[in-house]
């Protein structure tokens, strides 16, 4: 419950800062568009990167537990772990590409 409340407060605060920035930058439309692109790029990259980091940490912890319980299966566990890490990192790299596209192309 505390994590959901903290996340909601963080998102609401970011939205308020974004709206204030747009309100004060109303005289210069280019500045407001650039600010919106920066916030959009940051959100597109931040959430998958945080999720990927958490997922990788959990995967490594579980792999180490599995190796500790069954040392004879170490090579299979390591191979599966590396394959999973590649898939997680691919999602984060796609998010980076989308963030770059949002900032420089749109």
PDB file of N, CA and C in Angstrom:
ATOM      1  N   UNK A   1       0.827  -1.194   0.000  1.00  0.00           N
ATOM      2  CA  UNK A   1       0.000   0.000   0.000  1.00  0.00           C
ATOM      3  C   UNK A   1       0.869   1.256   0.000  1.00  0.00           C
ATOM      4  N   UNK A   2       1.956   1.243   0.775  1.00  0.00           N
ATOM      5  CA  UNK A   2       2.814   2.416   0.830  1.00  0.00           C
ATOM      6  C   UNK A   2       3.490   2.675  -0.513  1.00  0.00           C
ATOM      7  N   UNK A   3       3.887   1.588  -1.219  1.00  0.00           N
ATOM      8  CA  UNK A   3       4.560   1.768  -2.497  1.00  0.00           C
ATOM      9  C   UNK A   3       3.619   2.364  -3.523  1.00  0.00           C
ATOM     10  N   UNK A   4       2.364   1.938  -3.527  1.00  0.00           N
ATOM     11  CA  UNK A   4       1.399   2.489  -4.470  1.00  0.00           C
ATOM     12  C   UNK A   4       1.144   3.957  -4.194  1.00  0.00           C
ATOM     13  N   UNK A   5       1.041   4.322  -2.937  1.00  0.00           N
ATOM     14  CA  UNK A   5       0.826   5.719  -2.568  1.00  0.00           C
ATOM     15  C   UNK A   5       2.029   6.562  -2.939  1.00  0.00           C
ATOM     16  N   UNK A   6       3.229   6.050  -2.703  1.00  0.00           N
ATOM     17  CA  UNK A   6       4.438   6.791  -3.048  1.00  0.00           C
ATOM     18  C   UNK A   6       4.543   6.982  -4.559  1.00  0.00           C
ATOM     19  N   UNK A   7       4.239   5.945  -5.319  1.00  0.00           N
ATOM     20  CA  UNK A   7       4.292   6.042  -6.769  1.00  0.00           C
ATOM     21  C   UNK A   7       3.252   7.031  -7.282  1.00  0.00           C
ATOM     22  N   UNK A   8       2.059   7.000  -6.719  1.00  0.00           N
ATOM     23  CA  UNK A   8       1.012   7.930  -7.124  1.00  0.00           C
ATOM     24  C   UNK A   8       1.411   9.370  -6.822  1.00  0.00           C
ATOM     25  N   UNK A   9       2.003   9.614  -5.656  1.00  0.00           N
ATOM     26  CA  UNK A   9       2.458  10.961  -5.306  1.00  0.00           C
ATOM     27  C   UNK A   9       3.573  11.419  -6.228  1.00  0.00           C
ATOM     28  N   UNK A  10       4.481  10.514  -6.568  1.00  0.00           N
ATOM     29  CA  UNK A  10       5.576  10.859  -7.463  1.00  0.00           C
ATOM     30  C   UNK A  10       5.054  11.218  -8.852  1.00  0.00           C
ATOM     31  N   UNK A  11       4.111  10.438  -9.359  1.00  0.00           N
ATOM     32  CA  UNK A  11       3.534  10.739 -10.669  1.00  0.00           C
ATOM     33  C   UNK A  11       2.733  12.037 -10.653  1.00  0.00           C
ATOM     34  N   UNK A  12       1.983  12.265  -9.584  1.00  0.00           N
ATOM     35  CA  UNK A  12       1.203  13.502  -9.487  1.00  0.00           C
ATOM     36  C   UNK A  12       2.123  14.718  -9.404  1.00  0.00           C
ATOM     37  N   UNK A  13       3.193  14.614  -8.634  1.00  0.00           N
ATOM     38  CA  UNK A  13       4.148  15.719  -8.540  1.00  0.00           C
ATOM     39  C   UNK A  13       4.820  16.010  -9.865  1.00  0.00           C
ATOM     40  N   UNK A  14       5.178  14.960 -10.601  1.00  0.00           N
ATOM     41  CA  UNK A  14       5.789  15.148 -11.908  1.00  0.00           C
ATOM     42  C   UNK A  14       4.818  15.798 -12.875  1.00  0.00           C
ATOM     43  N   UNK A  15       3.557  15.373 -12.823  1.00  0.00           N
ATOM     44  CA  UNK A  15       2.544  15.975 -13.684  1.00  0.00           C
ATOM     45  C   UNK A  15       2.335  17.446 -13.353  1.00  0.00           C
ATOM     46  N   UNK A  16       2.335  17.783 -12.078  1.00  0.00           N
ATOM     47  CA  UNK A  16       2.175  19.184 -11.675  1.00  0.00           C
ATOM     48  C   UNK A  16       3.360  20.016 -12.160  1.00  0.00           C
ATOM     49  N   UNK A  17       4.573  19.493 -12.007  1.00  0.00           N
ATOM     50  CA  UNK A  17       5.747  20.223 -12.501  1.00  0.00           C
ATOM     51  C   UNK A  17       5.691  20.402 -14.008  1.00  0.00           C
ATOM     52  N   UNK A  18       5.251  19.375 -14.696  1.00  0.00           N
ATOM     53  CA  UNK A  18       5.130  19.458 -16.150  1.00  0.00           C
ATOM     54  C   UNK A  18       4.124  20.527 -16.550  1.00  0.00           C
ATOM     55  N   UNK A  19       2.974  20.558 -15.881  1.00  0.00           N
ATOM     56  CA  UNK A  19       1.946  21.552 -16.208  1.00  0.00           C
ATOM     57  C   UNK A  19       2.414  22.969 -15.876  1.00  0.00           C
ATOM     58  N   UNK A  20       3.118  23.118 -14.762  1.00  0.00           N
ATOM     59  CA  UNK A  20       3.641  24.443 -14.427  1.00  0.00           C
ATOM     60  C   UNK A  20       4.653  24.907 -15.459  1.00  0.00           C
ATOM     61  N   UNK A  21       5.487  23.998 -15.896  1.00  0.00           N
ATOM     62  CA  UNK A  21       6.472  24.351 -16.896  1.00  0.00           C
ATOM     63  C   UNK A  21       5.800  24.782 -18.190  1.00  0.00           C
ATOM     64  N   UNK A  22       4.749  24.071 -18.583  1.00  0.00           N
ATOM     65  CA  UNK A  22       4.021  24.454 -19.792  1.00  0.00           C
ATOM     66  C   UNK A  22       3.311  25.791 -19.610  1.00  0.00           C
ATOM     67  N   UNK A  23       2.782  26.043 -18.422  1.00  0.00           N
ATOM     68  CA  UNK A  23       2.076  27.297 -18.176  1.00  0.00           C
ATOM     69  C   UNK A  23       3.024  28.491 -18.241  1.00  0.00           C
ATOM     70  N   UNK A  24       4.214  28.349 -17.647  1.00  0.00           N
ATOM     71  CA  UNK A  24       5.151  29.466 -17.645  1.00  0.00           C
ATOM     72  C   UNK A  24       5.873  29.622 -18.974  1.00  0.00           C
ATOM     73  N   UNK A  25       5.891  28.571 -19.778  1.00  0.00           N
ATOM     74  CA  UNK A  25       6.552  28.642 -21.071  1.00  0.00           C
ATOM     75  C   UNK A  25       5.549  28.882 -22.199  1.00  0.00           C
ATOM     76  N   UNK A  26       4.368  29.376 -21.880  1.00  0.00           N
ATOM     77  CA  UNK A  26       3.327  29.568 -22.882  1.00  0.00           C
ATOM     78  C   UNK A  26       3.715  30.624 -23.912  1.00  0.00           C
ATOM     79  N   UNK A  27       4.591  31.556 -23.549  1.00  0.00           N
ATOM     80  CA  UNK A  27       4.987  32.586 -24.487  1.00  0.00           C
ATOM     81  C   UNK A  27       5.830  31.998 -25.622  1.00  0.00           C
ATOM     82  N   UNK A  28       6.592  30.966 -25.321  1.00  0.00           N
ATOM     83  CA  UNK A  28       7.473  30.377 -26.311  1.00  0.00           C
ATOM     84  C   UNK A  28       7.023  28.937 -26.575  1.00  0.00           C
ATOM     85  N   UNK A  29       6.350  28.720 -27.691  1.00  0.00           N
ATOM     86  CA  UNK A  29       5.790  27.399 -27.994  1.00  0.00           C
ATOM     87  C   UNK A  29       6.885  26.370 -28.236  1.00  0.00           C
ATOM     88  N   UNK A  30       8.003  26.788 -28.822  1.00  0.00           N
ATOM     89  CA  UNK A  30       9.089  25.840 -29.081  1.00  0.00           C
ATOM     90  C   UNK A  30       9.660  25.292 -27.784  1.00  0.00           C
ATOM     91  N   UNK A  31       9.754  26.134 -26.784  1.00  0.00           N
ATOM     92  CA  UNK A  31      10.262  25.699 -25.487  1.00  0.00           C
ATOM     93  C   UNK A  31       9.307  24.694 -24.841  1.00  0.00           C
ATOM     94  N   UNK A  32       8.005  24.933 -24.982  1.00  0.00           N
ATOM     95  CA  UNK A  32       7.020  24.020 -24.403  1.00  0.00           C
ATOM     96  C   UNK A  32       7.061  22.666 -25.104  1.00  0.00           C
ATOM     97  N   UNK A  33       7.222  22.676 -26.419  1.00  0.00           N
ATOM     98  CA  UNK A  33       7.294  21.419 -27.161  1.00  0.00           C
ATOM     99  C   UNK A  33       8.557  20.655 -26.788  1.00  0.00           C
ATOM    100  N   UNK A  34       9.659  21.369 -26.671  1.00  0.00           N
ATOM    101  CA  UNK A  34      10.918  20.723 -26.281  1.00  0.00           C
ATOM    102  C   UNK A  34      10.816  20.130 -24.880  1.00  0.00           C
ATOM    103  N   UNK A  35      10.144  20.844 -23.979  1.00  0.00           N
ATOM    104  CA  UNK A  35       9.943  20.332 -22.628  1.00  0.00           C
ATOM    105  C   UNK A  35       9.073  19.080 -22.641  1.00  0.00           C
ATOM    106  N   UNK A  36       8.016  19.088 -23.428  1.00  0.00           N
ATOM    107  CA  UNK A  36       7.143  17.914 -23.520  1.00  0.00           C
ATOM    108  C   UNK A  36       7.897  16.721 -24.090  1.00  0.00           C
ATOM    109  N   UNK A  37       8.758  16.957 -25.077  1.00  0.00           N
ATOM    110  CA  UNK A  37       9.560  15.874 -25.640  1.00  0.00           C
ATOM    111  C   UNK A  37      10.532  15.318 -24.607  1.00  0.00           C
ATOM    112  N   UNK A  38      11.122  16.198 -23.817  1.00  0.00           N
ATOM    113  CA  UNK A  38      12.071  15.747 -22.797  1.00  0.00           C
ATOM    114  C   UNK A  38      11.372  14.901 -21.738  1.00  0.00           C
ATOM    115  N   UNK A  39      10.202  15.343 -21.279  1.00  0.00           N
ATOM    116  CA  UNK A  39       9.463  14.562 -20.292  1.00  0.00           C
ATOM    117  C   UNK A  39       8.996  13.230 -20.884  1.00  0.00           C
ATOM    118  N   UNK A  40       8.510  13.254 -22.117  1.00  0.00           N
ATOM    119  CA  UNK A  40       8.068  12.018 -22.755  1.00  0.00           C
ATOM    120  C   UNK A  40       9.206  11.027 -22.911  1.00  0.00           C
ATOM    121  N   UNK A  41      10.361  11.514 -23.338  1.00  0.00           N
ATOM    122  CA  UNK A  41      11.527  10.639 -23.494  1.00  0.00           C
ATOM    123  C   UNK A  41      11.960  10.066 -22.153  1.00  0.00           C
ATOM    124  N   UNK A  42      11.926  10.887 -21.127  1.00  0.00           N
ATOM    125  CA  UNK A  42      12.332  10.425 -19.798  1.00  0.00           C
ATOM    126  C   UNK A  42      11.395   9.334 -19.284  1.00  0.00           C
ATOM    127  N   UNK A  43      10.089   9.509 -19.471  1.00  0.00           N
ATOM    128  CA  UNK A  43       9.144   8.494 -19.008  1.00  0.00           C
ATOM    129  C   UNK A  43       9.256   7.208 -19.810  1.00  0.00           C
ATOM    130  N   UNK A  44       9.441   7.348 -21.133  1.00  0.00           N
ATOM    131  CA  UNK A  44       9.546   6.161 -21.981  1.00  0.00           C
ATOM    132  C   UNK A  44      10.778   5.341 -21.611  1.00  0.00           C
ATOM    133  N   UNK A  45      11.834   5.990 -21.186  1.00  0.00           N
ATOM    134  CA  UNK A  45      13.060   5.269 -20.851  1.00  0.00           C
ATOM    135  C   UNK A  45      13.119   4.849 -19.387  1.00  0.00           C
ATOM    136  N   UNK A  46      12.565   5.632 -18.491  1.00  0.00           N
ATOM    137  CA  UNK A  46      12.739   5.373 -17.063  1.00  0.00           C
ATOM    138  C   UNK A  46      12.015   4.116 -16.591  1.00  0.00           C
ATOM    139  N   UNK A  47      10.789   3.927 -16.995  1.00  0.00           N
ATOM    140  CA  UNK A  47      10.027   2.788 -16.485  1.00  0.00           C
ATOM    141  C   UNK A  47      10.549   1.438 -16.973  1.00  0.00           C
ATOM    142  N   UNK A  48      10.840   1.260 -18.267  1.00  0.00           N
ATOM    143  CA  UNK A  48      11.429  -0.031 -18.662  1.00  0.00           C
ATOM    144  C   UNK A  48      12.822  -0.261 -18.067  1.00  0.00           C
ATOM    145  N   UNK A  49      13.604   0.797 -17.913  1.00  0.00           N
ATOM    146  CA  UNK A  49      14.935   0.631 -17.324  1.00  0.00           C
ATOM    147  C   UNK A  49      14.831   0.204 -15.862  1.00  0.00           C
ATOM    148  N   UNK A  50      13.919   0.811 -15.124  1.00  0.00           N
ATOM    149  CA  UNK A  50      13.739   0.424 -13.723  1.00  0.00           C
ATOM    150  C   UNK A  50      13.187  -0.994 -13.621  1.00  0.00           C
ATOM    151  N   UNK A  51      12.211  -1.318 -14.466  1.00  0.00           N
ATOM    152  CA  UNK A  51      11.659  -2.668 -14.450  1.00  0.00           C
ATOM    153  C   UNK A  51      12.686  -3.709 -14.851  1.00  0.00           C
ATOM    154  N   UNK A  52      13.510  -3.386 -15.840  1.00  0.00           N
ATOM    155  CA  UNK A  52      14.564  -4.308 -16.257  1.00  0.00           C
ATOM    156  C   UNK A  52      15.594  -4.535 -15.163  1.00  0.00           C
ATOM    157  N   UNK A  53      15.963  -3.467 -14.473  1.00  0.00           N
ATOM    158  CA  UNK A  53      16.935  -3.605 -13.386  1.00  0.00           C
ATOM    159  C   UNK A  53      16.378  -4.465 -12.252  1.00  0.00           C
ATOM    160  N   UNK A  54      15.130  -4.247 -11.905  1.00  0.00           N
ATOM    161  CA  UNK A  54      14.507  -5.061 -10.855  1.00  0.00           C
ATOM    162  C   UNK A  54      14.399  -6.511 -11.298  1.00  0.00           C
ATOM    163  N   UNK A  55      13.979  -6.724 -12.551  1.00  0.00           N
ATOM    164  CA  UNK A  55      13.858  -8.082 -13.075  1.00  0.00           C
ATOM    165  C   UNK A  55      15.194  -8.809 -13.121  1.00  0.00           C
ATOM    166  N   UNK A  56      16.241  -8.109 -13.523  1.00  0.00           N
ATOM    167  CA  UNK A  56      17.560  -8.730 -13.563  1.00  0.00           C
ATOM    168  C   UNK A  56      18.043  -9.100 -12.168  1.00  0.00           C
ATOM    169  N   UNK A  57      17.800  -8.229 -11.215  1.00  0.00           N
ATOM    170  CA  UNK A  57      18.200  -8.525  -9.842  1.00  0.00           C
ATOM    171  C   UNK A  57      17.488  -9.754  -9.290  1.00  0.00           C
ATOM    172  N   UNK A  58      16.197  -9.843  -9.552  1.00  0.00           N
ATOM    173  CA  UNK A  58      15.438 -11.012  -9.090  1.00  0.00           C
ATOM    174  C   UNK A  58      15.914 -12.275  -9.794  1.00  0.00           C
ATOM    175  N   UNK A  59      16.176 -12.174 -11.101  1.00  0.00           N
ATOM    176  CA  UNK A  59      16.621 -13.352 -11.857  1.00  0.00           C
ATOM    177  C   UNK A  59      17.968 -13.860 -11.359  1.00  0.00           C
ATOM    178  N   UNK A  60      18.891 -12.951 -11.092  1.00  0.00           N
ATOM    179  CA  UNK A  60      20.207 -13.366 -10.589  1.00  0.00           C
ATOM    180  C   UNK A  60      20.068 -14.008  -9.210  1.00  0.00           C
ATOM    181  N   UNK A  61      19.238 -13.426  -8.357  1.00  0.00           N
ATOM    182  CA  UNK A  61      19.046 -13.992  -7.023  1.00  0.00           C
ATOM    183  C   UNK A  61      18.478 -15.400  -7.096  1.00  0.00           C
ATOM    184  N   UNK A  62      17.477 -15.594  -7.943  1.00  0.00           N
ATOM    185  CA  UNK A  62      16.868 -16.922  -8.073  1.00  0.00           C
ATOM    186  C   UNK A  62      17.835 -17.923  -8.710  1.00  0.00           C
ATOM    187  N   UNK A  63      18.649 -17.462  -9.661  1.00  0.00           N
ATOM    188  CA  UNK A  63      19.627 -18.359 -10.272  1.00  0.00           C
ATOM    189  C   UNK A  63      20.677 -18.798  -9.248  1.00  0.00           C
ATOM    190  N   UNK A  64      21.109 -17.873  -8.430  1.00  0.00           N
ATOM    191  CA  UNK A  64      22.088 -18.237  -7.395  1.00  0.00           C
ATOM    192  C   UNK A  64      21.491 -19.198  -6.375  1.00  0.00           C
ATOM    193  N   UNK A  65      20.216 -19.005  -6.051  1.00  0.00           N
ATOM    194  CA  UNK A  65      19.548 -19.963  -5.152  1.00  0.00           C
ATOM    195  C   UNK A  65      19.483 -21.346  -5.785  1.00  0.00           C
ATOM    196  N   UNK A  66      19.147 -21.377  -7.076  1.00  0.00           N
ATOM    197  CA  UNK A  66      19.064 -22.660  -7.767  1.00  0.00           C
ATOM    198  C   UNK A  66      20.416 -23.356  -7.858  1.00  0.00           C
ATOM    199  N   UNK A  67      21.463 -22.595  -8.106  1.00  0.00           N
ATOM    200  CA  UNK A  67      22.806 -23.182  -8.164  1.00  0.00           C
ATOM    201  C   UNK A  67      23.235 -23.674  -6.791  1.00  0.00           C
ATOM    202  N   UNK A  68      22.864 -22.936  -5.750  1.00  0.00           N
ATOM    203  CA  UNK A  68      23.227 -23.365  -4.397  1.00  0.00           C
ATOM    204  C   UNK A  68      22.504 -24.661  -4.014  1.00  0.00           C
ATOM    205  N   UNK A  69      21.254 -24.812  -4.483  1.00  0.00           N
ATOM    206  CA  UNK A  69      20.498 -26.021  -4.146  1.00  0.00           C
ATOM    207  C   UNK A  69      20.913 -27.220  -4.993  1.00  0.00           C
ATOM    208  N   UNK A  70      21.238 -26.961  -6.269  1.00  0.00           N
ATOM    209  CA  UNK A  70      21.621 -28.048  -7.170  1.00  0.00           C
ATOM    210  C   UNK A  70      22.871 -27.649  -7.954  1.00  0.00           C
ATOM    211  N   UNK A  71      24.033 -27.836  -7.376  1.00  0.00           N
ATOM    212  CA  UNK A  71      25.263 -27.434  -8.066  1.00  0.00           C
ATOM    213  C   UNK A  71      25.504 -28.191  -9.375  1.00  0.00           C
ATOM    214  N   UNK A  72      24.946 -29.380  -9.509  1.00  0.00           N
ATOM    215  CA  UNK A  72      25.153 -30.163 -10.736  1.00  0.00           C
ATOM    216  C   UNK A  72      24.405 -29.563 -11.930  1.00  0.00           C
ATOM    217  N   UNK A  73      23.423 -28.726 -11.687  1.00  0.00           N
ATOM    218  CA  UNK A  73      22.654 -28.098 -12.772  1.00  0.00           C
ATOM    219  C   UNK A  73      23.144 -26.684 -13.067  1.00  0.00           C
ATOM    220  N   UNK A  74      24.349 -26.360 -12.676  1.00  0.00           N
ATOM    221  CA  UNK A  74      24.859 -24.991 -12.810  1.00  0.00           C
ATOM    222  C   UNK A  74      24.897 -24.519 -14.262  1.00  0.00           C
ATOM    223  N   UNK A  75      25.358 -25.353 -15.173  1.00  0.00           N
ATOM    224  CA  UNK A  75      25.494 -24.916 -16.568  1.00  0.00           C
ATOM    225  C   UNK A  75      24.127 -24.639 -17.201  1.00  0.00           C
ATOM    226  N   UNK A  76      23.133 -25.467 -16.915  1.00  0.00           N
ATOM    227  CA  UNK A  76      21.794 -25.239 -17.462  1.00  0.00           C
ATOM    228  C   UNK A  76      21.174 -23.966 -16.877  1.00  0.00           C
ATOM    229  N   UNK A  77      21.359 -23.767 -15.585  1.00  0.00           N
ATOM    230  CA  UNK A  77      20.806 -22.571 -14.936  1.00  0.00           C
ATOM    231  C   UNK A  77      21.476 -21.318 -15.481  1.00  0.00           C
ATOM    232  N   UNK A  78      22.802 -21.382 -15.655  1.00  0.00           N
ATOM    233  CA  UNK A  78      23.531 -20.216 -16.163  1.00  0.00           C
ATOM    234  C   UNK A  78      23.106 -19.886 -17.595  1.00  0.00           C
ATOM    235  N   UNK A  79      22.925 -20.899 -18.426  1.00  0.00           N
ATOM    236  CA  UNK A  79      22.505 -20.674 -19.808  1.00  0.00           C
ATOM    237  C   UNK A  79      21.122 -20.037 -19.864  1.00  0.00           C
ATOM    238  N   UNK A  80      20.212 -20.552 -19.074  1.00  0.00           N
ATOM    239  CA  UNK A  80      18.864 -19.996 -19.030  1.00  0.00           C
ATOM    240  C   UNK A  80      18.879 -18.568 -18.486  1.00  0.00           C
ATOM    241  N   UNK A  81      19.708 -18.329 -17.492  1.00  0.00           N
ATOM    242  CA  UNK A  81      19.823 -16.986 -16.922  1.00  0.00           C
ATOM    243  C   UNK A  81      20.322 -15.997 -17.972  1.00  0.00           C
ATOM    244  N   UNK A  82      21.347 -16.356 -18.703  1.00  0.00           N
ATOM    245  CA  UNK A  82      21.896 -15.448 -19.714  1.00  0.00           C
ATOM    246  C   UNK A  82      20.887 -15.168 -20.822  1.00  0.00           C
ATOM    247  N   UNK A  83      20.136 -16.170 -21.221  1.00  0.00           N
ATOM    248  CA  UNK A  83      19.106 -15.976 -22.238  1.00  0.00           C
ATOM    249  C   UNK A  83      18.020 -15.017 -21.732  1.00  0.00           C
ATOM    250  N   UNK A  84      17.616 -15.198 -20.491  1.00  0.00           N
ATOM    251  CA  UNK A  84      16.637 -14.284 -19.899  1.00  0.00           C
ATOM    252  C   UNK A  84      17.159 -12.866 -19.781  1.00  0.00           C
ATOM    253  N   UNK A  85      18.430 -12.727 -19.429  1.00  0.00           N
ATOM    254  CA  UNK A  85      19.038 -11.387 -19.335  1.00  0.00           C
ATOM    255  C   UNK A  85      19.048 -10.693 -20.698  1.00  0.00           C
ATOM    256  N   UNK A  86      19.310 -11.463 -21.737  1.00  0.00           N
ATOM    257  CA  UNK A  86      19.310 -10.888 -23.083  1.00  0.00           C
ATOM    258  C   UNK A  86      17.927 -10.356 -23.442  1.00  0.00           C
ATOM    259  N   UNK A  87      16.888 -11.108 -23.120  1.00  0.00           N
ATOM    260  CA  UNK A  87      15.538 -10.649 -23.426  1.00  0.00           C
ATOM    261  C   UNK A  87      15.162  -9.404 -22.615  1.00  0.00           C
ATOM    262  N   UNK A  88      15.548  -9.359 -21.371  1.00  0.00           N
ATOM    263  CA  UNK A  88      15.258  -8.183 -20.540  1.00  0.00           C
ATOM    264  C   UNK A  88      16.004  -6.965 -21.078  1.00  0.00           C
ATOM    265  N   UNK A  89      17.256  -7.138 -21.430  1.00  0.00           N
ATOM    266  CA  UNK A  89      18.051  -6.020 -21.931  1.00  0.00           C
ATOM    267  C   UNK A  89      17.538  -5.544 -23.289  1.00  0.00           C
ATOM    268  N   UNK A  90      16.987  -6.447 -24.075  1.00  0.00           N
ATOM    269  CA  UNK A  90      16.426  -6.052 -25.364  1.00  0.00           C
ATOM    270  C   UNK A  90      15.248  -5.107 -25.177  1.00  0.00           C
ATOM    271  N   UNK A  91      14.412  -5.366 -24.200  1.00  0.00           N
ATOM    272  CA  UNK A  91      13.276  -4.477 -23.931  1.00  0.00           C
ATOM    273  C   UNK A  91      13.784  -3.088 -23.540  1.00  0.00           C
ATOM    274  N   UNK A  92      14.822  -3.033 -22.733  1.00  0.00           N
ATOM    275  CA  UNK A  92      15.368  -1.736 -22.311  1.00  0.00           C
ATOM    276  C   UNK A  92      15.993  -1.007 -23.505  1.00  0.00           C
ATOM    277  N   UNK A  93      16.655  -1.724 -24.384  1.00  0.00           N
ATOM    278  CA  UNK A  93      17.235  -1.084 -25.571  1.00  0.00           C
ATOM    279  C   UNK A  93      16.155  -0.565 -26.512  1.00  0.00           C
ATOM    280  N   UNK A  94      15.054  -1.305 -26.651  1.00  0.00           N
ATOM    281  CA  UNK A  94      13.932  -0.802 -27.445  1.00  0.00           C
ATOM    282  C   UNK A  94      13.377   0.485 -26.833  1.00  0.00           C
ATOM    283  N   UNK A  95      13.303   0.541 -25.528  1.00  0.00           N
ATOM    284  CA  UNK A  95      12.824   1.759 -24.861  1.00  0.00           C
ATOM    285  C   UNK A  95      13.770   2.922 -25.132  1.00  0.00           C
ATOM    286  N   UNK A  96      15.074   2.655 -25.148  1.00  0.00           N
ATOM    287  CA  UNK A  96      16.046   3.702 -25.464  1.00  0.00           C
ATOM    288  C   UNK A  96      15.844   4.213 -26.888  1.00  0.00           C
ATOM    289  N   UNK A  97      15.614   3.308 -27.815  1.00  0.00           N
ATOM    290  CA  UNK A  97      15.382   3.717 -29.204  1.00  0.00           C
ATOM    291  C   UNK A  97      14.113   4.562 -29.303  1.00  0.00           C
ATOM    292  N   UNK A  98      13.051   4.152 -28.617  1.00  0.00           N
ATOM    293  CA  UNK A  98      11.822   4.933 -28.632  1.00  0.00           C
ATOM    294  C   UNK A  98      12.021   6.312 -28.023  1.00  0.00           C
ATOM    295  N   UNK A  99      12.794   6.396 -26.943  1.00  0.00           N
ATOM    296  CA  UNK A  99      13.055   7.692 -26.313  1.00  0.00           C
ATOM    297  C   UNK A  99      13.829   8.606 -27.266  1.00  0.00           C
ATOM    298  N   UNK A 100      14.797   8.052 -27.960  1.00  0.00           N
ATOM    299  CA  UNK A 100      15.558   8.864 -28.927  1.00  0.00           C
ATOM    300  C   UNK A 100      14.651   9.317 -30.065  1.00  0.00           C
ATOM    301  N   UNK A 101      13.790   8.411 -30.532  1.00  0.00           N
ATOM    302  CA  UNK A 101      12.867   8.797 -31.603  1.00  0.00           C
ATOM    303  C   UNK A 101      11.907   9.888 -31.155  1.00  0.00           C
ATOM    304  N   UNK A 102      11.391   9.783 -29.943  1.00  0.00           N
ATOM    305  CA  UNK A 102      10.482  10.809 -29.435  1.00  0.00           C
ATOM    306  C   UNK A 102      11.177  12.154 -29.360  1.00  0.00           C
ATOM    307  N   UNK A 103      12.401  12.168 -28.865  1.00  0.00           N
ATOM    308  CA  UNK A 103      13.082  13.443 -28.636  1.00  0.00           C
ATOM    309  C   UNK A 103      13.555  14.088 -29.937  1.00  0.00           C
ATOM    310  N   UNK A 104      14.087  13.295 -30.859  1.00  0.00           N
ATOM    311  CA  UNK A 104      14.706  13.890 -32.034  1.00  0.00           C
ATOM    312  C   UNK A 104      13.844  13.867 -33.296  1.00  0.00           C
ATOM    313  N   UNK A 105      12.874  12.962 -33.401  1.00  0.00           N
ATOM    314  CA  UNK A 105      12.121  12.834 -34.638  1.00  0.00           C
ATOM    315  C   UNK A 105      10.746  13.496 -34.534  1.00  0.00           C
ATOM    316  N   UNK A 106      10.027  13.243 -33.450  1.00  0.00           N
ATOM    317  CA  UNK A 106       8.671  13.800 -33.335  1.00  0.00           C
ATOM    318  C   UNK A 106       8.671  15.286 -33.084  1.00  0.00           C
TER     319      UNK A 106
END
